[in-house]
């Protein structure tokens, strides 16, 4: 079953750490968001193959889909 990872706050996508199709483990950093000069890592919450739904420079709103792990 696919797991969706959502943004927890309004932020800029500062860096995408993994690529589509990469295998990730629980706790791996997927994306780093930047808000008010703070870097906020978005981490995998399960093991699987990741699909990234954002790009560096995007602005995400609270609740926006960041990645899916199958």
N, C-alpha and C. Protein backbone atom coordinates (compact mmCIF):
# COMPACT_ATOMS: atom_id res chain seq x y z
N UNK A 1 0.84 -1.18 0.00
CA UNK A 1 0.00 0.00 0.00
C UNK A 1 0.89 1.25 0.00
N UNK A 2 0.55 2.21 -0.83
CA UNK A 2 1.36 3.42 -0.96
C UNK A 2 1.17 4.32 0.25
N UNK A 3 2.26 4.94 0.66
CA UNK A 3 2.22 5.91 1.75
C UNK A 3 2.50 7.29 1.18
N UNK A 4 1.64 8.24 1.49
CA UNK A 4 1.82 9.61 1.04
C UNK A 4 2.52 10.42 2.13
N UNK A 5 3.50 11.23 1.72
CA UNK A 5 4.21 12.13 2.62
C UNK A 5 3.77 13.55 2.27
N UNK A 6 3.26 14.28 3.27
CA UNK A 6 2.74 15.63 3.05
C UNK A 6 3.58 16.67 3.79
N UNK A 7 3.59 17.89 3.25
CA UNK A 7 4.28 19.00 3.92
C UNK A 7 3.54 19.35 5.20
N UNK A 8 4.30 19.66 6.24
CA UNK A 8 3.70 20.00 7.52
C UNK A 8 3.56 21.51 7.71
N UNK A 9 4.11 22.29 6.77
CA UNK A 9 4.05 23.75 6.88
C UNK A 9 4.28 24.38 5.51
N UNK A 10 4.01 25.66 5.42
CA UNK A 10 4.33 26.42 4.21
C UNK A 10 5.84 26.59 4.18
N UNK A 11 6.46 26.24 3.05
CA UNK A 11 7.92 26.30 2.95
C UNK A 11 8.36 26.25 1.50
N UNK A 12 9.63 26.56 1.28
CA UNK A 12 10.26 26.39 -0.02
C UNK A 12 10.95 25.04 -0.05
N UNK A 13 10.92 24.39 -1.22
CA UNK A 13 11.69 23.15 -1.37
C UNK A 13 13.12 23.57 -1.65
N UNK A 14 13.98 23.38 -0.66
CA UNK A 14 15.37 23.81 -0.77
C UNK A 14 16.21 22.77 -1.51
N UNK A 15 16.01 21.48 -1.18
CA UNK A 15 16.80 20.44 -1.83
C UNK A 15 16.02 19.14 -1.88
N UNK A 16 16.06 18.48 -3.03
CA UNK A 16 15.51 17.14 -3.18
C UNK A 16 16.69 16.19 -3.06
N UNK A 17 16.67 15.33 -2.04
CA UNK A 17 17.81 14.49 -1.69
C UNK A 17 17.80 13.17 -2.47
N UNK A 18 16.63 12.62 -2.77
CA UNK A 18 16.53 11.34 -3.47
C UNK A 18 15.90 11.55 -4.84
N UNK A 19 16.00 10.55 -5.69
CA UNK A 19 15.42 10.61 -7.03
C UNK A 19 14.25 9.64 -7.14
N UNK A 20 13.37 9.90 -8.11
CA UNK A 20 12.29 8.96 -8.38
C UNK A 20 12.85 7.57 -8.62
N UNK A 21 12.23 6.59 -8.02
CA UNK A 21 12.65 5.21 -8.21
C UNK A 21 13.68 4.72 -7.21
N UNK A 22 14.23 5.63 -6.39
CA UNK A 22 15.19 5.21 -5.36
C UNK A 22 14.49 4.37 -4.29
N UNK A 23 15.20 3.41 -3.76
CA UNK A 23 14.71 2.64 -2.63
C UNK A 23 15.14 3.35 -1.36
N UNK A 24 14.17 3.61 -0.48
CA UNK A 24 14.45 4.32 0.76
C UNK A 24 14.03 3.47 1.95
N UNK A 25 14.60 3.80 3.10
CA UNK A 25 14.26 3.12 4.35
C UNK A 25 13.64 4.13 5.30
N UNK A 26 12.89 3.61 6.26
CA UNK A 26 12.28 4.44 7.30
C UNK A 26 13.34 5.34 7.92
N UNK A 27 13.08 6.64 7.92
CA UNK A 27 14.01 7.61 8.51
C UNK A 27 14.93 8.30 7.53
N UNK A 28 14.99 7.80 6.27
CA UNK A 28 15.83 8.46 5.26
C UNK A 28 15.25 9.83 4.92
N UNK A 29 16.13 10.83 4.71
CA UNK A 29 15.69 12.15 4.30
C UNK A 29 15.35 12.13 2.81
N UNK A 30 14.17 12.63 2.47
CA UNK A 30 13.71 12.68 1.08
C UNK A 30 13.92 14.06 0.48
N UNK A 31 13.50 15.07 1.22
CA UNK A 31 13.49 16.46 0.75
C UNK A 31 13.85 17.34 1.95
N UNK A 32 14.49 18.47 1.68
CA UNK A 32 14.74 19.45 2.73
C UNK A 32 13.96 20.71 2.38
N UNK A 33 13.08 21.11 3.29
CA UNK A 33 12.31 22.33 3.13
C UNK A 33 13.01 23.46 3.87
N UNK A 34 12.74 24.69 3.44
CA UNK A 34 13.31 25.88 4.11
C UNK A 34 12.17 26.82 4.42
N UNK A 35 12.12 27.23 5.68
CA UNK A 35 11.11 28.18 6.11
C UNK A 35 11.71 29.05 7.21
N UNK A 36 11.64 30.35 7.02
CA UNK A 36 12.17 31.32 8.00
C UNK A 36 13.62 31.00 8.36
N UNK A 37 14.44 30.71 7.36
CA UNK A 37 15.88 30.45 7.51
C UNK A 37 16.18 29.12 8.23
N UNK A 38 15.16 28.28 8.44
CA UNK A 38 15.37 26.97 9.07
C UNK A 38 15.23 25.89 8.01
N UNK A 39 16.08 24.88 8.10
CA UNK A 39 15.99 23.72 7.21
C UNK A 39 15.21 22.62 7.91
N UNK A 40 14.18 22.11 7.24
CA UNK A 40 13.31 21.09 7.83
C UNK A 40 13.37 19.85 6.95
N UNK A 41 13.96 18.76 7.45
CA UNK A 41 14.00 17.53 6.65
C UNK A 41 12.63 16.85 6.62
N UNK A 42 12.28 16.35 5.45
CA UNK A 42 11.08 15.52 5.29
C UNK A 42 11.60 14.09 5.14
N UNK A 43 11.20 13.21 6.04
CA UNK A 43 11.77 11.86 6.07
C UNK A 43 10.75 10.80 5.70
N UNK A 44 11.28 9.68 5.19
CA UNK A 44 10.45 8.52 4.88
C UNK A 44 9.92 7.94 6.18
N UNK A 45 8.69 7.51 6.15
CA UNK A 45 8.07 6.91 7.33
C UNK A 45 7.91 5.40 7.17
N UNK A 46 8.44 4.87 6.05
CA UNK A 46 8.42 3.43 5.82
C UNK A 46 9.46 3.10 4.76
N UNK A 47 9.72 1.83 4.56
CA UNK A 47 10.63 1.37 3.51
C UNK A 47 9.87 1.25 2.19
N UNK A 48 10.57 1.48 1.06
CA UNK A 48 9.94 1.29 -0.24
C UNK A 48 10.63 2.08 -1.32
N UNK A 49 9.92 2.17 -2.46
CA UNK A 49 10.42 2.90 -3.63
C UNK A 49 9.70 4.24 -3.66
N UNK A 50 10.47 5.32 -3.78
CA UNK A 50 9.92 6.68 -3.65
C UNK A 50 9.63 7.31 -5.01
N UNK A 51 8.55 8.09 -5.04
CA UNK A 51 8.24 8.98 -6.16
C UNK A 51 8.13 10.38 -5.58
N UNK A 52 8.98 11.29 -6.04
CA UNK A 52 9.00 12.66 -5.55
C UNK A 52 7.99 13.49 -6.34
N UNK A 53 7.20 14.30 -5.64
CA UNK A 53 6.14 15.09 -6.27
C UNK A 53 6.44 16.59 -6.27
N UNK A 54 7.64 16.99 -5.85
CA UNK A 54 8.02 18.40 -5.83
C UNK A 54 9.39 18.55 -6.50
N UNK A 55 9.75 19.78 -6.80
CA UNK A 55 11.06 20.09 -7.37
C UNK A 55 11.71 21.20 -6.56
N UNK A 56 13.03 21.26 -6.62
CA UNK A 56 13.75 22.33 -5.92
C UNK A 56 13.24 23.68 -6.40
N UNK A 57 12.98 24.58 -5.44
CA UNK A 57 12.46 25.90 -5.76
C UNK A 57 10.95 26.01 -5.65
N UNK A 58 10.24 24.87 -5.59
CA UNK A 58 8.79 24.92 -5.42
C UNK A 58 8.43 25.49 -4.05
N UNK A 59 7.25 26.05 -3.96
CA UNK A 59 6.70 26.47 -2.68
C UNK A 59 5.57 25.50 -2.36
N UNK A 60 5.62 24.90 -1.17
CA UNK A 60 4.57 23.98 -0.76
C UNK A 60 3.74 24.60 0.35
N UNK A 61 2.49 24.25 0.36
CA UNK A 61 1.57 24.68 1.41
C UNK A 61 1.39 23.52 2.38
N UNK A 62 0.95 23.81 3.58
CA UNK A 62 0.66 22.77 4.55
C UNK A 62 -0.31 21.76 3.94
N UNK A 63 0.07 20.49 3.98
CA UNK A 63 -0.78 19.43 3.46
C UNK A 63 -0.49 19.03 2.02
N UNK A 64 0.36 19.80 1.30
CA UNK A 64 0.71 19.44 -0.08
C UNK A 64 1.46 18.12 -0.12
N UNK A 65 1.21 17.33 -1.17
CA UNK A 65 1.88 16.05 -1.36
C UNK A 65 3.34 16.30 -1.77
N UNK A 66 4.26 15.71 -1.02
CA UNK A 66 5.70 15.85 -1.28
C UNK A 66 6.26 14.60 -1.96
N UNK A 67 5.84 13.42 -1.49
CA UNK A 67 6.35 12.18 -2.04
C UNK A 67 5.38 11.04 -1.75
N UNK A 68 5.55 9.96 -2.52
CA UNK A 68 4.79 8.74 -2.31
C UNK A 68 5.78 7.60 -2.21
N UNK A 69 5.58 6.72 -1.23
CA UNK A 69 6.44 5.55 -1.09
C UNK A 69 5.58 4.30 -1.30
N UNK A 70 5.99 3.48 -2.27
CA UNK A 70 5.28 2.22 -2.57
C UNK A 70 6.03 1.06 -1.96
